[in-house]
Amino acid sequence: MPEENWVEVGTATTNRIPDSNVDIFLDLDAPPICPNMTDAEFRRKVIVLTKKAVSLVDKRMKEVGAWDVKAQERVSDHFGTKDEAVRQRLIACLPRLRKVLDDLGPKNFVRTSEDLIRHLGCMPSNKNVSNELASVCGPNTATHTICIAPKFCTTREYDMYGDSQLATIVHEASHFHDTFSSEDVIYTMTSYQKMWAKEHPDRAINNADNIAGYIVYGEDVK
């Protein structure tokens, strides 16, 4: 059966003591991840999106390897500098990001829940909640769980110069501590991102939207 038709309902551990048991309660009537599509449709969507994200990271990896003028300009645009330190960080972190994105499957995407974020080891953030598309717990490198908020569901799949579902997946994956361990200093996928980067090159390389912008901005992947 295709992976997108499966739903991960959880894991549990027990012991070998006779008559010991653990109760698992499943809510198979829970609402879908996105109210405007079935979970099967959502899972098919994220499979396509993650594959496109991987292809763009591959492109960026080749660019930082070749390091021609065009590659340097793109790095400078999104990180405010093209110095060797930024290049080396990209050389180190892009392959890690690629691996996580490539390993993502439908089971990694769940409906957002403050209780789940706590369970994964983080405190829910009150920052930018009204505009939140998704969230993760950065230290959660065991399952790389991405919590999907309702706004993600109505956001465009692709946008060359703005927020999109594709950019959101890259943004969230960059937070994991085994990729970039990025932060949310500012939120912007507009041209303002480049202006901010030039004023804050020391922070731009660690900002999730700058990393996502560097990877997807201006790319026509439809």
Protein backbone atom coordinates (compact mmCIF):
# COMPACT_ATOMS: atom_id res chain seq x y z
CA MET A 1 0.00 0.00 0.00
CA PRO A 2 1.38 3.47 -0.87
CA GLU A 3 2.94 5.33 2.06
CA GLU A 4 0.54 8.25 1.76
CA ASN A 5 -2.35 5.94 2.71
CA TRP A 6 -0.81 5.09 6.07
CA VAL A 7 -1.23 7.10 9.25
CA GLU A 8 1.32 6.80 12.07
CA VAL A 9 -0.68 6.43 15.26
CA GLY A 10 2.23 6.43 17.70
CA THR A 11 4.83 4.24 19.36
CA ALA A 12 5.01 2.68 22.77
CA THR A 13 7.44 0.64 24.82
CA THR A 14 6.71 -1.88 27.54
CA ASN A 15 8.64 -4.49 29.52
CA ARG A 16 8.75 -8.25 29.91
CA ILE A 17 6.99 -8.39 33.28
CA PRO A 18 4.05 -10.82 33.09
CA ASP A 19 0.64 -9.14 32.95
CA SER A 20 2.16 -5.70 32.48
CA ASN A 21 0.51 -3.72 29.73
CA VAL A 22 0.21 -0.32 28.18
CA ASP A 23 -3.02 1.15 26.89
CA ILE A 24 -2.99 3.01 23.60
CA PHE A 25 -6.02 5.11 22.71
CA LEU A 26 -6.53 5.98 19.07
CA ASP A 27 -8.82 8.66 17.73
CA LEU A 28 -9.44 7.52 14.19
CA ASP A 29 -12.16 10.15 13.82
CA ALA A 30 -9.79 13.06 14.47
CA PRO A 31 -10.09 15.93 11.99
CA PRO A 32 -7.74 15.90 8.99
CA ILE A 33 -4.45 17.78 9.04
CA CYS A 34 -5.92 20.27 6.57
CA PRO A 35 -9.65 21.00 6.59
CA ASN A 36 -9.68 21.68 2.84
CA MET A 37 -8.37 18.25 1.80
CA THR A 38 -8.28 14.66 2.92
CA ASP A 39 -5.22 13.33 4.71
CA ALA A 40 -4.49 11.15 1.69
CA GLU A 41 -4.47 14.25 -0.54
CA PHE A 42 -2.28 16.08 1.97
CA ARG A 43 0.23 13.25 2.06
CA ARG A 44 0.47 13.09 -1.72
CA LYS A 45 1.07 16.85 -1.71
CA VAL A 46 3.93 16.79 0.82
CA ILE A 47 5.67 13.96 -1.03
CA VAL A 48 5.80 16.17 -4.14
CA LEU A 49 6.84 19.25 -2.17
CA THR A 50 9.69 17.53 -0.35
CA LYS A 51 11.04 16.13 -3.61
CA LYS A 52 11.07 19.61 -5.12
CA ALA A 53 12.79 20.95 -2.01
CA VAL A 54 15.50 18.31 -2.32
CA SER A 55 16.09 19.22 -5.97
CA LEU A 56 16.56 22.89 -5.04
CA VAL A 57 18.98 22.05 -2.23
CA ASP A 58 20.93 19.93 -4.74
CA LYS A 59 21.14 22.99 -6.97
CA ARG A 60 22.41 25.20 -4.14
CA MET A 61 25.00 22.57 -3.15
CA LYS A 62 26.42 22.54 -6.68
CA GLU A 63 26.54 26.34 -6.68
CA VAL A 64 28.51 26.67 -3.44
CA GLY A 65 30.86 24.01 -4.72
CA ALA A 66 31.51 25.83 -8.00
CA TRP A 67 31.39 29.26 -6.32
CA ASP A 68 31.11 31.30 -9.49
CA VAL A 69 29.98 34.94 -9.58
CA LYS A 70 26.29 34.06 -9.84
CA ALA A 71 26.50 31.72 -6.86
CA GLN A 72 28.27 34.36 -4.79
CA GLU A 73 25.67 36.97 -5.68
CA ARG A 74 22.83 34.72 -4.52
CA VAL A 75 24.56 34.03 -1.22
CA SER A 76 25.25 37.74 -0.72
CA ASP A 77 21.63 38.62 -1.54
CA HIS A 78 20.17 36.38 1.16
CA PHE A 79 22.88 36.44 3.81
CA GLY A 80 24.33 39.92 3.37
CA THR A 81 27.84 38.62 2.71
CA LYS A 82 29.67 36.13 0.54
CA ASP A 83 32.63 35.62 2.84
CA GLU A 84 34.28 32.24 3.27
CA ALA A 85 32.70 31.65 6.68
CA VAL A 86 29.19 31.77 5.19
CA ARG A 87 30.25 29.56 2.30
CA GLN A 88 31.73 26.97 4.67
CA ARG A 89 28.57 26.97 6.76
CA LEU A 90 26.52 26.29 3.64
CA ILE A 91 28.93 23.56 2.55
CA ALA A 92 28.53 21.92 5.95
CA CYS A 93 24.80 22.38 6.49
CA LEU A 94 23.19 22.03 3.06
CA PRO A 95 23.92 18.28 2.82
CA ARG A 96 22.43 17.81 6.29
CA LEU A 97 19.31 19.73 5.27
CA ARG A 98 19.09 17.67 2.10
CA LYS A 99 19.19 14.41 4.05
CA VAL A 100 16.42 15.47 6.41
CA LEU A 101 14.23 16.71 3.55
CA ASP A 102 14.88 13.54 1.57
CA ASP A 103 13.92 11.40 4.56
CA LEU A 104 10.67 13.27 5.22
CA GLY A 105 7.54 11.29 4.50
CA PRO A 106 3.84 11.63 5.29
CA LYS A 107 4.43 10.30 8.81
CA ASN A 108 6.57 13.37 9.64
CA PHE A 109 3.68 15.81 9.11
CA VAL A 110 0.99 16.13 11.77
CA ARG A 111 -1.76 18.57 12.74
CA THR A 112 -0.44 21.30 15.02
CA SER A 113 -0.87 20.83 18.75
CA GLU A 114 0.63 22.64 21.71
CA ASP A 115 0.58 19.38 23.67
CA LEU A 116 2.54 17.66 20.92
CA ILE A 117 5.17 20.42 20.86
CA ARG A 118 5.59 19.95 24.61
CA HIS A 119 5.81 16.19 24.16
CA LEU A 120 8.58 16.69 21.60
CA GLY A 121 10.56 18.69 24.14
CA CYS A 122 9.76 22.36 23.43
CA MET A 123 7.50 25.05 24.81
CA PRO A 124 4.87 26.36 22.37
CA SER A 125 5.83 29.75 20.98
CA ASN A 126 3.55 32.76 21.25
CA LYS A 127 5.53 34.56 18.55
CA ASN A 128 3.74 35.32 15.26
CA VAL A 129 1.00 32.80 16.09
CA SER A 130 -1.63 34.41 13.84
CA ASN A 131 0.62 34.03 10.81
CA GLU A 132 2.05 30.63 11.69
CA LEU A 133 2.06 28.09 8.89
CA ALA A 134 3.92 25.31 10.67
CA SER A 135 6.23 24.65 13.60
CA VAL A 136 8.83 22.19 14.81
CA CYS A 137 10.83 21.45 17.93
CA GLY A 138 14.44 21.96 16.84
CA PRO A 139 15.98 19.34 19.16
CA ASN A 140 13.54 16.72 17.84
CA THR A 141 16.05 15.05 15.52
CA ALA A 142 14.68 11.58 16.29
CA THR A 143 11.42 11.97 14.38
CA HIS A 144 11.74 15.34 12.58
CA THR A 145 8.07 16.03 13.22
CA ILE A 146 6.58 19.05 11.42
CA CYS A 147 3.35 20.42 12.92
CA ILE A 148 1.04 21.90 10.29
CA ALA A 149 -1.09 24.94 11.18
CA PRO A 150 -4.36 25.77 9.35
CA LYS A 151 -2.81 28.68 7.43
CA PHE A 152 -0.42 26.29 5.69
CA CYS A 153 -3.40 24.58 4.09
CA THR A 154 -4.58 27.71 2.25
CA THR A 155 -1.13 29.02 1.33
CA ARG A 156 0.03 28.61 -2.26
CA GLU A 157 2.10 25.53 -2.99
CA TYR A 158 4.70 27.59 -4.86
CA ASP A 159 5.54 31.26 -5.00
CA MET A 160 8.71 32.59 -6.56
CA TYR A 161 8.78 35.71 -4.39
CA GLY A 162 6.66 35.06 -1.29
CA ASP A 163 5.42 32.59 1.28
CA SER A 164 4.56 29.14 0.02
CA GLN A 165 4.10 25.62 1.27
CA LEU A 166 7.41 24.69 -0.35
CA ALA A 167 9.30 27.49 1.41
CA THR A 168 7.60 26.61 4.70
CA ILE A 169 8.83 23.02 4.61
CA VAL A 170 12.40 24.19 3.94
CA HIS A 171 12.07 26.85 6.66
CA GLU A 172 10.89 24.34 9.26
CA ALA A 173 13.46 21.69 8.31
CA SER A 174 16.24 24.26 8.77
CA HIS A 175 15.28 24.56 12.47
CA PHE A 176 16.31 21.00 13.29
CA HIS A 177 19.55 20.85 15.21
CA ASP A 178 21.03 18.35 12.76
CA THR A 179 20.57 20.74 9.81
CA PHE A 180 21.12 24.50 10.36
CA SER A 181 19.69 24.81 13.90
CA SER A 182 18.20 28.06 12.60
CA GLU A 183 16.23 30.68 14.51
CA ASP A 184 13.25 32.91 13.75
CA VAL A 185 14.78 36.37 14.01
CA ILE A 186 12.50 37.91 11.39
CA TYR A 187 9.76 36.52 9.18
CA THR A 188 9.84 37.68 5.58
CA MET A 189 9.97 36.05 2.17
CA THR A 190 9.80 39.40 0.38
CA SER A 191 12.54 41.61 -1.02
CA TYR A 192 12.90 43.12 2.46
CA GLN A 193 14.74 39.94 3.42
CA LYS A 194 17.71 41.00 1.28
CA MET A 195 17.74 44.49 2.78
CA TRP A 196 17.68 43.09 6.30
CA ALA A 197 20.46 40.61 5.47
CA LYS A 198 22.80 43.38 4.35
CA GLU A 199 22.25 45.17 7.67
CA HIS A 200 22.55 41.98 9.75
CA PRO A 201 24.90 39.54 7.97
CA ASP A 202 25.89 38.04 11.32
CA ARG A 203 22.29 36.96 11.97
CA ALA A 204 20.98 36.27 8.47
CA ILE A 205 22.87 32.98 8.08
CA ASN A 206 20.99 31.68 11.15
CA ASN A 207 17.55 33.00 10.21
CA ALA A 208 15.18 30.33 8.90
CA ASP A 209 13.44 32.56 6.35
CA ASN A 210 16.79 33.68 4.90
CA ILE A 211 17.83 30.07 4.52
CA ALA A 212 14.50 29.18 2.90
CA GLY A 213 14.70 32.27 0.68
CA TYR A 214 18.22 31.37 -0.41
CA ILE A 215 16.99 27.96 -1.49
CA VAL A 216 13.62 28.72 -3.10
CA TYR A 217 13.45 32.47 -3.89
CA GLY A 218 13.02 33.20 -7.60
CA GLU A 219 12.77 29.54 -8.55
CA ASP A 220 9.97 28.47 -10.89
CA VAL A 221 9.39 24.88 -9.81
CA LYS A 222 5.78 24.35 -10.94
